[in-house]
Amino acid sequence: MPKRYGPWATLHTRFRRWAADGTFHRMLRAAQAKADAAGDVAWLVSVDSTRRPGSPACGRGSRRGLCDPALGWSRGGLTSKIHLACDGRGRPLAFVVTGGSTNDCTRFIAVMEAIPGARLGPGRP
């Protein structure tokens, strides 16, 4: 980590705080609104998912509460699944994180409903 960013613990604390208070969500929405206003969002949506292994600390029962609640057991062990909707250019529109054993089709509607509906310009959706 470059020294100009300060101590690792400070960065980690800031990242967790911003993730919890919705800062990253607001940043994504602002970038999407700006791209949409410029007519740069291809509203042909693709939805897919990928599974990610959980942290080894989560498998041991972390005492600090650092484990994401969207963890589930699957054949691969303790995992999370990211269900992501992208525009026609491959840029993220919305995502939902679930336990790794969650079926894709059960979260399709949740992912589609998470796509921002407010439009600044004409056209779909």
Protein backbone atom coordinates (compact mmCIF):
# COMPACT_ATOMS: atom_id res chain seq x y z
CA MET A 1 0.00 0.00 0.00
CA PRO A 2 1.50 3.41 -0.90
CA LYS A 3 2.52 5.40 2.19
CA ARG A 4 0.55 8.45 1.02
CA TYR A 5 -2.68 6.56 1.89
CA GLY A 6 -1.69 6.16 5.52
CA PRO A 7 -1.75 3.08 7.74
CA TRP A 8 -3.44 -0.07 6.45
CA ALA A 9 -5.73 -0.23 9.50
CA THR A 10 -7.04 3.28 8.76
CA LEU A 11 -7.79 2.35 5.15
CA HIS A 12 -9.51 -0.84 6.22
CA THR A 13 -11.66 1.03 8.75
CA ARG A 14 -12.59 3.67 6.19
CA PHE A 15 -13.44 1.03 3.56
CA ARG A 16 -15.72 -0.84 5.98
CA ARG A 17 -17.41 2.39 7.10
CA TRP A 18 -18.02 3.50 3.50
CA ALA A 19 -19.34 0.06 2.57
CA ALA A 20 -21.72 0.07 5.55
CA ASP A 21 -23.01 3.64 5.13
CA GLY A 22 -23.72 3.30 1.40
CA THR A 23 -20.93 5.58 0.11
CA PHE A 24 -19.91 3.11 -2.61
CA HIS A 25 -23.55 2.62 -3.60
CA ARG A 26 -24.02 6.39 -3.98
CA MET A 27 -20.80 6.66 -6.01
CA LEU A 28 -21.99 3.93 -8.39
CA ARG A 29 -25.42 5.58 -8.78
CA ALA A 30 -23.84 9.00 -9.45
CA ALA A 31 -21.52 7.55 -12.11
CA GLN A 32 -24.47 5.71 -13.70
CA ALA A 33 -26.61 8.87 -13.75
CA LYS A 34 -23.80 10.84 -15.38
CA ALA A 35 -23.24 8.15 -18.03
CA ASP A 36 -26.99 7.89 -18.66
CA ALA A 37 -27.32 11.67 -19.06
CA ALA A 38 -24.55 11.54 -21.67
CA GLY A 39 -26.40 8.72 -23.49
CA ASP A 40 -23.56 6.35 -22.71
CA VAL A 41 -25.53 3.51 -21.07
CA ALA A 42 -26.48 0.62 -23.35
CA TRP A 43 -29.77 -0.53 -21.79
CA LEU A 44 -29.42 -4.10 -23.06
CA VAL A 45 -29.05 -5.86 -19.70
CA SER A 46 -27.15 -9.07 -19.00
CA VAL A 47 -27.40 -10.88 -15.64
CA ASP A 48 -24.92 -13.50 -14.42
CA SER A 49 -23.31 -14.59 -11.18
CA THR A 50 -20.04 -15.85 -9.81
CA ARG A 51 -19.17 -17.61 -6.58
CA ARG A 52 -16.38 -16.43 -4.30
CA PRO A 53 -14.82 -18.30 -1.37
CA GLY A 54 -15.33 -16.90 2.10
CA SER A 55 -12.48 -15.65 4.21
CA PRO A 56 -10.70 -18.38 6.20
CA ALA A 57 -11.41 -16.33 9.33
CA CYS A 58 -15.15 -16.63 8.69
CA GLY A 59 -14.94 -20.40 8.68
CA ARG A 60 -13.39 -20.28 12.15
CA GLY A 61 -16.11 -18.04 13.55
CA SER A 62 -14.58 -14.60 13.62
CA ARG A 63 -15.17 -12.75 16.89
CA ARG A 64 -14.97 -9.28 15.38
CA GLY A 65 -18.06 -9.56 13.18
CA LEU A 66 -16.04 -9.05 9.99
CA CYS A 67 -17.75 -11.89 8.12
CA ASP A 68 -20.34 -10.90 5.55
CA PRO A 69 -23.80 -12.28 6.35
CA ALA A 70 -24.14 -13.30 2.69
CA LEU A 71 -22.15 -16.50 3.21
CA GLY A 72 -23.49 -19.96 2.59
CA TRP A 73 -22.27 -23.52 2.44
CA SER A 74 -21.88 -25.20 -0.93
CA ARG A 75 -19.80 -28.08 -2.28
CA GLY A 76 -16.84 -25.73 -2.39
CA GLY A 77 -17.18 -24.79 1.28
CA LEU A 78 -18.16 -21.45 2.76
CA THR A 79 -18.87 -19.12 -0.19
CA SER A 80 -20.70 -16.00 -1.38
CA LYS A 81 -22.31 -15.47 -4.76
CA ILE A 82 -22.41 -12.13 -6.56
CA HIS A 83 -25.41 -11.76 -8.90
CA LEU A 84 -24.57 -8.89 -11.27
CA ALA A 85 -26.53 -7.00 -13.94
CA CYS A 86 -24.44 -5.22 -16.59
CA ASP A 87 -25.34 -2.91 -19.44
CA GLY A 88 -24.53 -3.73 -23.06
CA ARG A 89 -21.00 -2.40 -22.60
CA GLY A 90 -20.28 -4.64 -19.60
CA ARG A 91 -20.55 -1.93 -16.95
CA PRO A 92 -22.32 -2.78 -13.68
CA LEU A 93 -25.89 -1.60 -13.18
CA ALA A 94 -26.81 -3.51 -10.01
CA PHE A 95 -25.74 -6.47 -7.90
CA VAL A 96 -27.01 -8.66 -5.09
CA VAL A 97 -24.74 -10.73 -2.82
CA THR A 98 -26.08 -14.02 -1.42
CA GLY A 99 -24.82 -17.27 0.04
CA GLY A 100 -22.89 -19.40 -2.45
CA SER A 101 -25.53 -22.10 -2.71
CA THR A 102 -28.28 -19.68 -3.82
CA ASN A 103 -29.69 -20.49 -7.26
CA ASP A 104 -29.33 -17.77 -9.90
CA CYS A 105 -32.97 -17.84 -10.97
CA THR A 106 -34.20 -17.14 -7.42
CA ARG A 107 -32.37 -13.79 -7.35
CA PHE A 108 -32.98 -12.65 -10.94
CA ILE A 109 -35.95 -10.44 -10.04
CA ALA A 110 -34.07 -8.92 -7.07
CA VAL A 111 -31.15 -8.01 -9.34
CA MET A 112 -33.44 -6.52 -12.00
CA GLU A 113 -35.33 -4.50 -9.37
CA ALA A 114 -32.03 -3.13 -8.04
CA ILE A 115 -31.28 -1.47 -11.41
CA PRO A 116 -31.92 2.25 -11.04
CA GLY A 117 -35.17 3.19 -12.73
CA ALA A 118 -34.84 6.96 -12.74
CA ARG A 119 -33.75 8.18 -16.16
CA LEU A 120 -32.41 11.58 -17.04
CA GLY A 121 -32.90 11.21 -20.78
CA PRO A 122 -35.37 9.66 -23.21
CA GLY A 123 -35.54 5.96 -24.09
CA ARG A 124 -35.64 2.66 -22.27
CA PRO A 125 -36.18 1.34 -19.65
